[in-house]
Amino acid sequence: MQRIRIEDAGRHAGESVEIAGWLYNLRRSGKIAFPLLRDGTGIMQCVAVKSALPEELFETLRNLTQESSLILRGRIRAEQRAPGGYEMDVEGAEILQRVPESDPYPITPKEHGIEFLMDHRHLWLRSRRQHAVLRVRHEVIKGIRDYFDSHGFTLIDTPIFTPAACEGTTTLFEVNYFEDEKVFLTQSGQLYNEATAMAFGKVYCFGPTFRAEKSKTRRHLTEFWMVEPEMAYATLEDVKQAAEELIVFVIGRVLENRRRELETLERDVSRLEAVRAPFPRMSYDEAVALLKKKGSAIEWGGDFGGTDETLISEEFSSPVMVDRYPAAVKAFYFEPDPERPEVVLGVDILAPEGYGEIVGGGQRIHDLSLLLRRLEEHNLPRDAFNWYLDLRKFGSVPHGGFGMGVERFVAWMCGLEHIRETIAFPRMLYRTRP
């Protein structure tokens, strides 16, 4: 008998097949039992009729416990009222492991507190909601890769152990390396990306990054995934265009392929459908003026906090680009605006609905003498950056790129209140388990 996946059941209507999975839930009605089977691709209602099965097998199914593992065999038929539109009439079953009643599955249909659910994250992932979130995450990541792979970018992996900071030393995780050498977990692959861009033209890296920020907000993790493209012969405007295209492309993929998951999450998809290019644009100066009008205490020269970002973005239905921030609040490598050296050619993209910054990037310094001055101003050790300085000695060109955090983007796509649900095993200030 052919084994199929639940998501493919529609292609096997009228056939007898088998599905391997776990008991998601169970209803009983007299001489009929309705096991809900999940297999990682979906949930299917199965119908076990006492008169059609050996009595012992029927009683076993009728009394099966939640999350027991089993293989069901039966005929697939269309049923509009069932989840997914199809049901299985059970003809046979094999129970691989029955969860004992004395030690039942801990996550029951009743309400559980968030700390309990996070303590049982390894099991909570089996729930319909968490399954939907991580399927959307999968689609976002696939969309990101497909965009860059089809636009001339080469994927090049960058180190996780790094000898120097990319964006200041206060948020670095220090690691003991060999022979008393100290290295750090990467904050970003950008500096290495600048080297590979000078070799390949357009590149991107995609991997985990680490920030030792002692932050407990709903927007922060200590370990998260980031995609970072970098382009040689690129200006700030090229960076904006690539980021805008990427965001629109990925949203389109999510809407095209994950509507069922968005429905499960009760996401208002009209808000995602409203996102159109070109995105609204404003300068940092204009953003500060807007914030003051809205009652913020921000002063020119200060960086935006989460509340400031929300106040700006609530004016728009699409992401908004804010550019030309003060040099003092940006990293050492940002190119100054030639017309206003006190601001840099950087841009942040703020998502609507209060999800904050999803993209940060801009044009990089390509002049050696200026980069040396910036390293000095930021008290960064020149020795650690000698290789980076070489990029300005041998064929330096204007170049730029950005970073986009996957978890914040997924939180926005799913309409989640907290970022912790966007990755299978989140790492936060006070959580490193499971």
Protein backbone atom coordinates (compact mmCIF):
# COMPACT_ATOMS: atom_id res chain seq x y z
CA MET A 1 0.00 0.00 0.00
CA GLN A 2 1.40 3.41 -1.00
CA ARG A 3 2.40 5.76 1.81
CA ILE A 4 1.39 9.37 1.18
CA ARG A 5 1.62 12.72 2.90
CA ILE A 6 -1.53 14.40 4.18
CA GLU A 7 -0.91 17.50 2.06
CA ASP A 8 -1.07 15.25 -1.03
CA ALA A 9 -4.30 13.48 -0.06
CA GLY A 10 -6.32 15.24 -2.78
CA ARG A 11 -4.31 13.41 -5.44
CA HIS A 12 -5.33 10.03 -4.00
CA ALA A 13 -9.11 10.39 -3.57
CA GLY A 14 -10.76 6.97 -3.98
CA GLU A 15 -7.49 5.10 -3.30
CA SER A 16 -6.47 3.02 -0.31
CA VAL A 17 -3.21 4.39 1.13
CA GLU A 18 -1.30 4.61 4.38
CA ILE A 19 -0.26 7.67 6.38
CA ALA A 20 2.37 7.63 9.12
CA GLY A 21 1.98 10.20 11.87
CA TRP A 22 0.85 11.04 15.38
CA LEU A 23 -2.54 11.30 17.08
CA TYR A 24 -3.33 15.01 17.26
CA ASN A 25 -6.77 14.59 18.83
CA LEU A 26 -9.55 12.04 19.16
CA ARG A 27 -13.35 12.24 19.20
CA ARG A 28 -15.73 9.36 19.91
CA SER A 29 -19.35 8.91 19.00
CA GLY A 30 -20.86 5.55 19.92
CA LYS A 31 -19.52 2.94 17.52
CA ILE A 32 -17.38 5.42 15.58
CA ALA A 33 -14.06 7.00 16.50
CA PHE A 34 -12.56 10.03 14.77
CA PRO A 35 -8.78 10.08 15.20
CA LEU A 36 -7.17 13.29 13.96
CA LEU A 37 -3.83 12.33 12.46
CA ARG A 38 -0.96 14.76 11.86
CA ASP A 39 2.13 13.94 9.84
CA GLY A 40 4.06 17.21 9.62
CA THR A 41 2.40 18.31 6.38
CA GLY A 42 -1.16 18.64 7.65
CA ILE A 43 -3.94 17.19 9.80
CA MET A 44 -6.46 14.65 8.56
CA GLN A 45 -9.67 13.47 10.18
CA CYS A 46 -9.94 9.70 9.98
CA VAL A 47 -13.11 7.65 10.52
CA ALA A 48 -12.87 4.32 12.33
CA VAL A 49 -16.15 2.36 12.30
CA LYS A 50 -16.47 -0.53 14.75
CA SER A 51 -18.29 -2.81 12.31
CA ALA A 52 -15.57 -2.39 9.67
CA LEU A 53 -12.59 -3.25 11.90
CA PRO A 54 -11.46 -6.09 14.16
CA GLU A 55 -12.90 -5.39 17.61
CA GLU A 56 -9.48 -5.27 19.30
CA LEU A 57 -8.14 -2.76 16.77
CA PHE A 58 -11.22 -0.56 17.07
CA GLU A 59 -10.94 -0.50 20.88
CA THR A 60 -7.21 0.30 20.60
CA LEU A 61 -7.95 3.27 18.32
CA ARG A 62 -10.92 4.37 20.41
CA ASN A 63 -8.73 4.56 23.52
CA LEU A 64 -5.55 5.87 21.95
CA THR A 65 -3.75 8.65 23.81
CA GLN A 66 -2.69 12.06 22.47
CA GLU A 67 0.58 12.10 20.47
CA SER A 68 0.82 8.33 20.21
CA SER A 69 2.62 7.37 16.98
CA LEU A 70 0.81 5.21 14.46
CA ILE A 71 0.35 4.27 10.82
CA LEU A 72 -3.22 4.35 9.52
CA ARG A 73 -4.36 2.59 6.37
CA GLY A 74 -7.56 3.39 4.57
CA ARG A 75 -9.45 4.92 1.68
CA ILE A 76 -9.26 8.66 0.99
CA ARG A 77 -12.48 10.48 0.14
CA ALA A 78 -13.50 14.08 -0.32
CA GLU A 79 -15.27 15.72 2.63
CA GLN A 80 -15.74 19.49 2.54
CA ARG A 81 -16.34 19.75 6.29
CA ALA A 82 -13.06 18.05 7.19
CA PRO A 83 -9.76 19.88 7.72
CA GLY A 84 -8.03 19.99 4.34
CA GLY A 85 -11.18 18.80 2.54
CA TYR A 86 -10.46 15.03 2.73
CA GLU A 87 -11.01 12.18 5.18
CA MET A 88 -9.74 8.64 5.50
CA ASP A 89 -12.03 5.67 6.15
CA VAL A 90 -9.80 3.50 8.32
CA GLU A 91 -9.19 -0.06 7.11
CA GLY A 92 -6.20 -0.93 9.28
CA ALA A 93 -3.67 0.50 11.72
CA GLU A 94 -0.32 -0.14 13.32
CA ILE A 95 0.48 1.49 16.67
CA LEU A 96 4.19 2.20 17.01
CA GLN A 97 4.16 3.79 20.47
CA ARG A 98 1.27 4.48 22.80
CA VAL A 99 1.77 7.41 25.16
CA PRO A 100 1.05 5.95 28.64
CA GLU A 101 -1.96 7.32 30.51
CA SER A 102 0.16 7.44 33.66
CA ASP A 103 2.49 9.99 32.01
CA PRO A 104 0.30 11.81 29.48
CA TYR A 105 1.33 14.36 26.87
CA PRO A 106 1.74 17.59 28.89
CA ILE A 107 0.26 20.10 26.41
CA THR A 108 -3.49 19.56 26.54
CA PRO A 109 -6.27 21.54 24.82
CA LYS A 110 -6.65 23.69 27.96
CA GLU A 111 -4.93 27.09 28.28
CA HIS A 112 -1.26 27.07 29.30
CA GLY A 113 0.95 29.96 30.40
CA ILE A 114 3.68 31.13 28.04
CA GLU A 115 6.50 30.05 30.39
CA PHE A 116 5.07 26.53 30.56
CA LEU A 117 4.83 26.42 26.77
CA MET A 118 8.37 27.73 26.35
CA ASP A 119 9.66 25.15 28.84
CA HIS A 120 7.99 22.53 26.63
CA ARG A 121 8.99 24.17 23.35
CA HIS A 122 10.22 20.83 22.00
CA LEU A 123 6.62 19.60 22.20
CA TRP A 124 4.78 22.90 21.62
CA LEU A 125 6.17 22.87 18.07
CA ARG A 126 3.62 20.14 17.29
CA SER A 127 0.67 22.51 17.75
CA ARG A 128 -1.26 23.82 14.78
CA ARG A 129 -0.29 27.44 15.46
CA GLN A 130 3.43 26.81 15.88
CA HIS A 131 3.43 24.57 12.84
CA ALA A 132 1.89 27.39 10.80
CA VAL A 133 4.45 29.94 12.00
CA LEU A 134 7.42 27.74 11.11
CA ARG A 135 5.93 26.88 7.71
CA VAL A 136 5.72 30.61 7.00
CA ARG A 137 9.33 30.94 8.16
CA HIS A 138 10.33 28.21 5.72
CA GLU A 139 8.59 30.09 2.90
CA VAL A 140 10.25 33.38 3.85
CA ILE A 141 13.71 31.77 3.80
CA LYS A 142 13.02 30.01 0.50
CA GLY A 143 11.75 33.28 -0.99
CA ILE A 144 14.85 35.15 0.17
CA ARG A 145 17.16 32.59 -1.40
CA ASP A 146 15.17 32.46 -4.62
CA TYR A 147 15.24 36.25 -4.97
CA PHE A 148 19.02 36.53 -4.61
CA ASP A 149 19.76 33.39 -6.61
CA SER A 150 17.70 34.74 -9.53
CA HIS A 151 19.21 38.24 -9.40
CA GLY A 152 22.87 37.44 -9.95
CA PHE A 153 24.00 37.07 -6.32
CA THR A 154 26.39 34.33 -5.18
CA LEU A 155 25.86 32.76 -1.76
CA ILE A 156 29.11 32.79 0.22
CA ASP A 157 29.21 31.65 3.84
CA THR A 158 31.00 33.89 6.33
CA PRO A 159 32.65 32.96 9.66
CA ILE A 160 30.77 32.62 12.92
CA PHE A 161 34.01 32.99 14.93
CA THR A 162 35.41 36.48 14.27
CA PRO A 163 38.43 38.32 15.70
CA ALA A 164 36.80 41.77 15.72
CA ALA A 165 33.52 43.59 16.15
CA CYS A 166 31.40 44.69 13.25
CA GLU A 167 29.16 47.14 15.10
CA GLY A 168 30.88 47.96 18.38
CA THR A 169 32.09 45.74 21.19
CA THR A 170 29.32 46.14 23.78
CA THR A 171 27.04 43.45 22.33
CA LEU A 172 29.61 40.74 21.59
CA PHE A 173 29.66 37.20 22.99
CA GLU A 174 33.30 36.40 23.78
CA VAL A 175 34.55 32.85 23.26
CA ASN A 176 37.76 31.20 24.49
CA TYR A 177 39.63 29.95 21.45
CA PHE A 178 42.93 28.03 21.32
CA GLU A 179 46.05 29.12 23.20
CA ASP A 180 44.24 31.83 25.16
CA GLU A 181 43.11 33.65 22.02
CA LYS A 182 39.80 35.49 22.35
CA VAL A 183 37.30 35.48 19.50
CA PHE A 184 33.68 36.56 19.25
CA LEU A 185 30.44 35.11 17.92
CA THR A 186 29.56 37.06 14.82
CA GLN A 187 27.21 40.03 14.92
CA SER A 188 27.17 40.17 11.13
CA GLY A 189 28.86 38.70 8.07
CA GLN A 190 29.00 42.10 6.42
CA LEU A 191 32.74 42.86 6.66
CA TYR A 192 33.60 39.50 5.08
CA ASN A 193 30.87 40.08 2.53
CA GLU A 194 32.61 43.26 1.46
CA ALA A 195 35.67 41.17 0.64
CA THR A 196 33.69 38.59 -1.33
CA ALA A 197 31.79 41.33 -3.19
CA MET A 198 35.12 42.62 -4.50
CA ALA A 199 35.73 39.12 -5.86
CA PHE A 200 32.24 38.20 -7.13
CA GLY A 201 30.42 41.51 -7.63
CA LYS A 202 27.14 40.62 -5.89
CA VAL A 203 27.06 38.24 -2.93
CA TYR A 204 24.97 37.31 0.08
CA CYS A 205 25.48 35.36 3.28
CA PHE A 206 22.71 33.77 5.29
CA GLY A 207 23.23 32.40 8.76
CA PRO A 208 22.97 32.81 12.53
CA THR A 209 24.14 36.01 14.21
CA PHE A 210 24.55 36.80 17.89
CA ARG A 211 23.94 39.96 19.91
CA ALA A 212 24.64 40.12 23.63
CA GLU A 213 22.04 42.82 24.21
CA LYS A 214 20.46 42.65 27.64
CA SER A 215 17.08 43.33 26.15
CA LYS A 216 13.79 41.68 27.03
CA THR A 217 11.60 43.36 24.41
CA ARG A 218 9.27 41.45 22.12
CA ARG A 219 11.57 42.32 19.19
CA HIS A 220 14.88 40.89 20.46
CA LEU A 221 16.63 37.53 20.49
CA THR A 222 20.26 36.87 21.37
CA GLU A 223 20.61 34.44 18.45
CA PHE A 224 18.82 35.10 15.19
CA TRP A 225 19.16 34.53 11.46
CA MET A 226 20.06 37.28 9.05
CA VAL A 227 20.48 37.54 5.30
CA GLU A 228 23.09 40.07 4.20
CA PRO A 229 23.63 40.99 0.53
CA GLU A 230 26.58 43.14 -0.52
CA MET A 231 27.13 44.75 -3.93
CA ALA A 232 30.23 46.22 -5.56
CA TYR A 233 29.75 49.44 -7.56
CA ALA A 234 26.58 50.20 -5.58
CA THR A 235 25.17 53.38 -4.05
CA LEU A 236 22.63 53.99 -1.31
CA GLU A 237 19.90 54.09 -3.97
CA ASP A 238 20.95 50.66 -5.27
CA VAL A 239 20.72 49.31 -1.72
CA LYS A 240 17.21 50.74 -1.30
CA GLN A 241 16.04 49.24 -4.57
CA ALA A 242 17.36 45.76 -3.79
CA ALA A 243 15.81 45.78 -0.31
CA GLU A 244 12.46 46.97 -1.62
CA GLU A 245 12.40 44.34 -4.37
CA LEU A 246 13.32 41.60 -1.90
CA ILE A 247 10.57 42.52 0.57
CA VAL A 248 7.87 42.69 -2.12
CA PHE A 249 9.06 39.40 -3.63
CA VAL A 250 9.02 37.51 -0.33
CA ILE A 251 5.60 38.85 0.68
CA GLY A 252 4.28 37.67 -2.66
CA ARG A 253 5.65 34.18 -2.04
CA VAL A 254 4.08 33.99 1.42
CA LEU A 255 0.69 35.11 0.09
CA GLU A 256 0.92 32.69 -2.81
CA ASN A 257 1.99 29.57 -0.92
CA ARG A 258 1.06 29.99 2.76
CA ARG A 259 -2.47 31.37 2.86
CA ARG A 260 -3.72 28.35 4.78
CA GLU A 261 -1.11 28.95 7.47
CA LEU A 262 -1.97 32.66 7.61
CA GLU A 263 -5.64 31.69 8.07
CA THR A 264 -4.66 29.38 10.93
CA LEU A 265 -2.88 32.34 12.53
CA GLU A 266 -5.90 34.59 11.85
CA ARG A 267 -3.60 37.00 10.06
CA ASP A 268 -5.28 39.93 8.30
CA VAL A 269 -3.81 39.24 4.85
CA SER A 270 -5.28 42.46 3.44
CA ARG A 271 -2.50 44.29 5.30
CA LEU A 272 0.14 42.26 3.49
CA GLU A 273 -1.65 42.63 0.17
CA ALA A 274 -1.56 46.40 0.64
CA VAL A 275 2.25 46.46 0.53
CA ARG A 276 3.31 47.99 -2.77
CA ALA A 277 6.49 49.42 -4.26
CA PRO A 278 7.75 52.07 -4.22
CA PHE A 279 7.83 52.35 -0.44
CA PRO A 280 7.43 55.79 1.15
CA ARG A 281 10.74 57.46 1.90
CA MET A 282 11.80 60.10 4.40
CA SER A 283 15.02 61.48 5.81
CA TYR A 284 16.05 61.18 9.43
CA ASP A 285 15.39 64.95 9.72
CA GLU A 286 11.82 64.49 8.50
CA ALA A 287 11.32 61.51 10.82
CA VAL A 288 12.44 63.54 13.86
CA ALA A 289 10.04 66.34 12.90
CA LEU A 290 7.21 63.80 12.58
CA LEU A 291 8.02 62.27 15.96
CA LYS A 292 8.07 65.64 17.70
CA LYS A 293 4.69 66.41 16.21
CA LYS A 294 3.44 63.14 17.72
CA GLY A 295 4.78 64.02 21.16
CA SER A 296 8.05 62.08 21.21
CA ALA A 297 10.91 63.47 23.29
CA ILE A 298 13.43 62.58 20.55
CA GLU A 299 16.07 65.19 19.77
CA TRP A 300 18.12 65.43 16.61
CA GLY A 301 21.15 63.17 16.98
CA GLY A 302 19.41 60.47 19.01
CA ASP A 303 18.72 56.97 17.75
CA PHE A 304 15.15 55.76 17.43
CA GLY A 305 13.74 53.40 20.03
CA GLY A 306 11.01 50.85 19.43
CA THR A 307 8.26 53.33 20.31
CA ASP A 308 9.68 55.90 17.89
CA GLU A 309 9.78 53.33 15.10
CA THR A 310 6.16 52.42 15.78
CA LEU A 311 5.07 56.07 15.74
CA ILE A 312 6.73 56.57 12.35
CA SER A 313 5.45 53.38 10.76
CA GLU A 314 1.83 53.81 11.87
CA GLU A 315 1.53 56.57 9.27
CA PHE A 316 1.98 54.07 6.44
CA SER A 317 0.46 50.81 5.15
CA SER A 318 3.76 49.79 3.52
CA PRO A 319 7.26 49.67 5.00
CA VAL A 320 8.87 53.12 5.20
CA MET A 321 12.50 53.92 4.40
CA VAL A 322 14.31 56.36 6.68
CA ASP A 323 17.73 57.46 5.46
CA ARG A 324 20.67 59.74 6.32
CA TYR A 325 21.00 59.12 10.05
CA PRO A 326 23.55 61.05 12.14
CA ALA A 327 27.01 59.49 11.85
CA ALA A 328 27.21 59.27 15.65
CA VAL A 329 24.44 56.63 15.87
CA LYS A 330 25.69 54.44 13.03
CA ALA A 331 28.60 52.02 12.68
CA PHE A 332 32.09 53.10 11.68
CA TYR A 333 31.88 51.84 8.09
CA PHE A 334 29.04 54.07 6.80
CA GLU A 335 29.90 56.49 3.98
CA PRO A 336 29.23 60.14 4.94
CA ASP A 337 26.83 62.14 2.81
CA PRO A 338 29.17 64.29 0.66
CA GLU A 339 26.78 67.24 1.04
CA ARG A 340 26.33 66.81 4.81
CA PRO A 341 29.22 64.94 6.46
CA GLU A 342 27.40 64.84 9.80
CA VAL A 343 24.95 62.30 8.36
CA VAL A 344 25.68 59.01 6.60
CA LEU A 345 24.36 57.24 3.52
CA GLY A 346 22.48 54.65 5.53
CA VAL A 347 18.87 53.49 5.50
CA ASP A 348 16.57 51.63 7.87
CA ILE A 349 13.32 50.09 6.65
CA LEU A 350 10.56 50.05 9.26
CA ALA A 351 7.72 47.57 8.90
CA PRO A 352 4.13 48.75 9.38
CA GLU A 353 1.90 47.63 12.27
CA GLY A 354 4.61 48.31 14.86
CA TYR A 355 7.07 45.58 13.88
CA GLY A 356 10.06 47.91 13.84
CA GLU A 357 13.23 47.81 11.78
CA ILE A 358 13.39 44.86 9.39
CA VAL A 359 16.26 46.11 7.20
CA GLY A 360 19.34 48.18 8.01
CA GLY A 361 22.06 49.02 5.53
CA GLY A 362 23.63 51.56 3.27
CA GLN A 363 26.74 52.58 1.40
CA ARG A 364 30.16 51.69 2.86
CA ILE A 365 33.24 53.88 3.16
CA HIS A 366 35.55 53.14 0.24
CA ASP A 367 38.29 55.71 0.99
CA LEU A 368 41.22 54.31 2.99
CA SER A 369 42.14 57.48 4.88
CA LEU A 370 38.55 58.10 5.98
CA LEU A 371 38.13 54.50 7.12
CA LEU A 372 41.30 54.78 9.20
CA ARG A 373 39.94 57.90 10.89
CA ARG A 374 36.66 56.17 11.66
CA LEU A 375 38.40 53.18 13.24
CA GLU A 376 40.32 55.58 15.46
CA GLU A 377 37.19 57.52 16.44
CA HIS A 378 35.47 54.26 17.43
CA ASN A 379 38.51 53.01 19.37
CA LEU A 380 38.74 49.86 17.27
CA PRO A 381 42.09 48.01 17.00
CA ARG A 382 43.67 48.54 13.61
CA ASP A 383 45.46 45.18 13.71
CA ALA A 384 42.15 43.31 13.70
CA PHE A 385 41.05 45.19 10.59
CA ASN A 386 44.21 45.05 8.47
CA TRP A 387 42.62 42.65 6.00
CA TYR A 388 39.53 44.91 5.81
CA LEU A 389 41.74 47.92 5.08
CA ASP A 390 43.33 45.99 2.19
CA LEU A 391 39.98 46.19 0.41
CA ARG A 392 40.49 49.98 0.21
CA LYS A 393 44.08 49.61 -1.03
CA PHE A 394 43.49 47.22 -3.89
CA GLY A 395 40.71 48.21 -6.28
CA SER A 396 38.40 50.08 -3.90
CA VAL A 397 35.00 51.03 -5.32
CA PRO A 398 31.73 52.42 -3.91
CA HIS A 399 29.77 49.50 -2.53
CA GLY A 400 26.86 48.81 -0.23
CA GLY A 401 24.47 46.28 1.23
CA PHE A 402 22.04 45.56 4.04
CA GLY A 403 20.97 43.04 6.61
CA MET A 404 17.45 41.67 7.06
CA GLY A 405 16.53 39.71 10.18
CA VAL A 406 14.41 36.66 9.42
CA GLU A 407 12.63 36.53 12.78
CA ARG A 408 11.30 40.08 12.71
CA PHE A 409 10.18 39.60 9.14
CA VAL A 410 8.37 36.37 10.04
CA ALA A 411 6.74 38.04 13.07
CA TRP A 412 5.37 40.71 10.73
CA MET A 413 4.17 38.16 8.14
CA CYS A 414 2.38 36.13 10.83
CA GLY A 415 1.09 39.08 12.86
CA LEU A 416 2.75 37.77 16.03
CA GLU A 417 2.96 39.70 19.27
CA HIS A 418 6.40 38.34 20.22
CA ILE A 419 9.42 37.28 18.19
CA ARG A 420 10.03 34.16 20.33
CA GLU A 421 7.56 32.11 18.25
CA THR A 422 9.37 32.73 14.95
CA ILE A 423 12.24 30.27 15.52
CA ALA A 424 12.06 26.68 16.69
CA PHE A 425 14.23 27.13 19.79
CA PRO A 426 14.56 30.83 20.71
CA ARG A 427 17.49 32.16 22.69
CA MET A 428 16.62 35.13 24.88
CA LEU A 429 18.14 36.95 27.83
CA TYR A 430 16.82 34.45 30.38
CA ARG A 431 16.18 31.42 28.16
CA THR A 432 18.73 28.96 26.78
CA ARG A 433 16.63 25.78 27.18
CA PRO A 434 15.35 23.58 25.70
